[in-house]
C-alpha atoms as a PDB file:
ATOM      1  CA  MET A   1       1.676 -16.497  -3.525  1.00  0.00           C
ATOM      2  CA  ILE A   2       2.972 -15.043  -6.492  1.00  0.00           C
ATOM      3  CA  VAL A   3       0.452 -12.292  -8.091  1.00  0.00           C
ATOM      4  CA  CYS A   4       2.354 -10.886 -10.871  1.00  0.00           C
ATOM      5  CA  LEU A   5       4.230 -13.587 -12.875  1.00  0.00           C
ATOM      6  CA  CYS A   6       5.442 -10.894 -15.503  1.00  0.00           C
ATOM      7  CA  HIS A   7       7.282  -8.996 -12.594  1.00  0.00           C
ATOM      8  CA  ASN A   8       7.510 -12.015 -10.015  1.00  0.00           C
ATOM      9  CA  VAL A   9       5.914  -9.871  -7.283  1.00  0.00           C
ATOM     10  CA  SER A  10       4.184 -11.737  -4.030  1.00  0.00           C
ATOM     11  CA  THR A  11       1.512 -10.721  -1.890  1.00  0.00           C
ATOM     12  CA  GLY A  12       4.105 -10.455   0.380  1.00  0.00           C
ATOM     13  CA  ASP A  13       5.835  -7.960  -1.672  1.00  0.00           C
ATOM     14  CA  ILE A  14       2.402  -5.996  -1.906  1.00  0.00           C
ATOM     15  CA  ALA A  15       1.853  -6.069   1.718  1.00  0.00           C
ATOM     16  CA  ARG A  16       5.120  -4.769   2.210  1.00  0.00           C
ATOM     17  CA  GLU A  17       5.024  -1.929  -0.225  1.00  0.00           C
ATOM     18  CA  ALA A  18       0.975  -0.909   0.580  1.00  0.00           C
ATOM     19  CA  ALA A  19       2.448   0.524   3.709  1.00  0.00           C
ATOM     20  CA  GLY A  20       3.837   3.343   1.893  1.00  0.00           C
ATOM     21  CA  CYS A  21       1.730   3.479  -0.741  1.00  0.00           C
ATOM     22  CA  CYS A  22      -1.512   6.095  -0.881  1.00  0.00           C
ATOM     23  CA  SER A  23      -2.760   3.956  -3.950  1.00  0.00           C
ATOM     24  CA  PHE A  24      -3.370   1.100  -5.868  1.00  0.00           C
ATOM     25  CA  GLU A  25      -1.397   3.114  -9.048  1.00  0.00           C
ATOM     26  CA  SER A  26       1.396   4.066  -6.358  1.00  0.00           C
ATOM     27  CA  LEU A  27       1.826   0.602  -5.534  1.00  0.00           C
ATOM     28  CA  GLN A  28       1.836  -0.154  -9.536  1.00  0.00           C
ATOM     29  CA  GLU A  29       4.506   2.286 -10.117  1.00  0.00           C
ATOM     30  CA  GLN A  30       6.947   0.699  -7.101  1.00  0.00           C
ATOM     31  CA  THR A  31       6.109  -3.019  -7.937  1.00  0.00           C
ATOM     32  CA  MET A  32       5.434  -2.820 -11.993  1.00  0.00           C
ATOM     33  CA  VAL A  33       2.211  -5.261 -10.925  1.00  0.00           C
ATOM     34  CA  GLY A  34      -0.208  -5.560 -13.360  1.00  0.00           C
ATOM     35  CA  MET A  35       1.805  -3.139 -15.991  1.00  0.00           C
ATOM     36  CA  SER A  36       2.756  -6.056 -18.642  1.00  0.00           C
ATOM     37  CA  CYS A  37      -0.334  -8.388 -19.566  1.00  0.00           C
ATOM     38  CA  GLY A  38      -2.830  -7.097 -16.703  1.00  0.00           C
ATOM     39  CA  ALA A  39      -4.054 -10.486 -15.936  1.00  0.00           C
ATOM     40  CA  CYS A  40      -3.176 -10.124 -11.860  1.00  0.00           C
ATOM     41  CA  VAL A  41      -4.511  -6.371 -12.053  1.00  0.00           C
ATOM     42  CA  SER A  42      -7.991  -7.523  -9.992  1.00  0.00           C
ATOM     43  CA  CYS A  43      -6.249 -10.140  -7.550  1.00  0.00           C
ATOM     44  CA  ALA A  44      -3.243  -7.703  -6.725  1.00  0.00           C
ATOM     45  CA  ARG A  45      -5.753  -4.593  -6.057  1.00  0.00           C
ATOM     46  CA  ASP A  46      -7.904  -6.659  -3.786  1.00  0.00           C
ATOM     47  CA  THR A  47      -4.743  -7.544  -1.872  1.00  0.00           C
ATOM     48  CA  PHE A  48      -3.767  -4.307  -1.888  1.00  0.00           C
ATOM     49  CA  HIS A  49      -7.122  -3.148  -0.224  1.00  0.00           C
ATOM     50  CA  GLU A  50      -7.071  -5.728   2.106  1.00  0.00           C
ATOM     51  CA  HIS A  51      -3.639  -4.843   3.632  1.00  0.00           C
ATOM     52  CA  LYS A  52      -4.911  -0.915   3.547  1.00  0.00           C
ATOM     53  CA  ALA A  53      -7.677  -1.676   5.348  1.00  0.00           C
ATOM     54  CA  ASP A  54      -5.624  -3.205   8.277  1.00  0.00           C
ATOM     55  CA  GLN A  55      -3.470   0.256   8.338  1.00  0.00           C
ATOM     56  CA  PRO A  56      -4.919   3.432  10.143  1.00  0.00           C
ATOM     57  CA  ASP A  57      -7.476   5.652   8.008  1.00  0.00           C
ATOM     58  CA  SER A  58      -5.020   8.176   5.792  1.00  0.00           C
ATOM     59  CA  GLY A  59      -6.644  10.882   7.674  1.00  0.00           C
ATOM     60  CA  GLU A  60      -5.360   9.313  10.945  1.00  0.00           C
ATOM     61  CA  SER A  61      -2.187  10.789  12.539  1.00  0.00           C
ATOM     62  CA  LEU A  62       0.170   8.027  13.742  1.00  0.00           C
ATOM     63  CA  VAL A  63       1.804  11.159  16.058  1.00  0.00           C
ATOM     64  CA  PRO A  64       0.102  10.892  19.603  1.00  0.00           C
ATOM     65  CA  ALA A  65      -2.133  14.100  19.941  1.00  0.00           C
ATOM     66  CA  PHE A  66       0.118  15.293  22.814  1.00  0.00           C
ATOM     67  CA  LEU A  67       3.036  15.764  20.685  1.00  0.00           C
ATOM     68  CA  THR A  68       1.324  17.590  18.215  1.00  0.00           C
ATOM     69  CA  GLN A  69      -0.364  19.714  20.623  1.00  0.00           C
ATOM     70  CA  ALA A  70       3.094  20.732  22.392  1.00  0.00           C
ATOM     71  CA  ALA A  71       4.796  21.186  18.793  1.00  0.00           C
ATOM     72  CA  ALA A  72       2.064  23.550  18.077  1.00  0.00           C
ATOM     73  CA  HIS A  73       2.748  25.583  21.296  1.00  0.00           C
ATOM     74  CA  VAL A  74       6.485  25.734  20.084  1.00  0.00           C
END
């Protein structure tokens, strides 16, 4: 579904970009979603947060603990 008509940004685009964005504002910088008329901001923000909720917390490491512990001893 197209969320932002001004910049042709879809829910799929938001889902893909959410993985690499730490905030909704960084998503806006990457996709320009909500940067023109602003009518899509609420839907885009909700979609972004739905997809971020499916990912590990930003404080949670994606590197297994045994690798970080081994690196600390090198």
